[in-house]
Protein backbone atom coordinates (compact mmCIF):
# COMPACT_ATOMS: atom_id res chain seq x y z
CA MET A 1 20.01 95.96 5.51
CA THR A 2 19.03 92.49 4.41
CA ASN A 3 20.48 90.34 1.66
CA ASN A 4 19.87 87.12 -0.21
CA LEU A 5 23.48 85.98 -0.49
CA LYS A 6 22.78 82.53 0.92
CA VAL A 7 20.06 81.90 -1.68
CA LEU A 8 22.25 83.20 -4.52
CA ARG A 9 25.13 80.99 -3.34
CA ALA A 10 22.84 77.96 -3.30
CA ILE A 11 21.58 78.69 -6.81
CA ALA A 12 25.17 79.11 -8.03
CA ASN A 13 26.23 76.02 -6.05
CA VAL A 14 29.11 77.95 -4.44
CA SER A 15 30.35 77.51 -0.88
CA GLN A 16 31.14 80.42 1.43
CA GLU A 17 34.83 79.57 1.03
CA GLU A 18 34.67 79.55 -2.78
CA LEU A 19 32.80 82.85 -2.90
CA ALA A 20 35.22 84.41 -0.43
CA LYS A 21 38.20 83.44 -2.59
CA LYS A 22 36.55 84.78 -5.74
CA ILE A 23 35.91 88.21 -4.26
CA GLU A 24 39.04 88.28 -2.08
CA VAL A 25 37.57 88.34 1.43
CA SER A 26 37.53 85.81 4.28
CA ARG A 27 34.89 83.12 4.64
CA GLN A 28 33.99 84.77 7.96
CA THR A 29 33.10 87.96 6.08
CA ILE A 30 30.69 86.05 3.85
CA ASN A 31 29.20 84.35 6.90
CA ALA A 32 28.78 87.64 8.74
CA MET A 33 27.08 89.25 5.74
CA GLU A 34 24.69 86.32 5.36
CA LYS A 35 23.73 86.63 9.03
CA GLY A 36 23.23 90.39 8.73
CA LYS A 37 26.07 91.15 11.14
CA TYR A 38 28.23 92.94 8.57
CA VAL A 39 27.31 95.62 6.04
CA PRO A 40 29.65 95.46 3.05
CA SER A 41 31.54 98.38 1.58
CA THR A 42 30.47 99.71 -1.80
CA VAL A 43 33.42 97.94 -3.44
CA LEU A 44 32.50 94.62 -1.84
CA ALA A 45 28.83 95.00 -2.80
CA LEU A 46 29.87 95.71 -6.40
CA LYS A 47 32.17 92.66 -6.44
CA LEU A 48 29.28 90.49 -5.27
CA ALA A 49 26.99 92.01 -7.91
CA ARG A 50 29.57 91.27 -10.60
CA PHE A 51 30.12 87.72 -9.37
CA PHE A 52 26.39 86.91 -9.36
CA ASP A 53 25.71 89.04 -12.46
CA LYS A 54 22.94 90.86 -10.61
CA PRO A 55 22.31 94.52 -9.77
CA VAL A 56 23.28 95.41 -6.21
CA GLN A 57 19.61 96.10 -5.47
CA GLU A 58 18.77 92.45 -6.18
CA ILE A 59 21.29 91.31 -3.58
CA PHE A 60 20.87 93.93 -0.83
CA THR A 61 17.72 95.62 0.44
CA LEU A 62 17.55 98.64 2.74
CA GLU A 63 15.27 98.31 5.73
CA GLU A 64 13.00 101.11 6.95
CA THR A 65 15.38 101.67 9.88
CA ASP A 66 18.53 101.96 7.73
């Protein structure tokens, strides 16, 4: 699974720390998601979608191998 969290954060001018606080996770979780090392739960994906006001599909993309 890939994502465009880093781009969305840059557009929103939000740091990893600020985003983490808003959606109640650690900064390390945000970092791991951005690097593709962590696949979020459904609840976390929905929180991110709500924060960025985007459908989940615009944030996360399934790969052929997923």
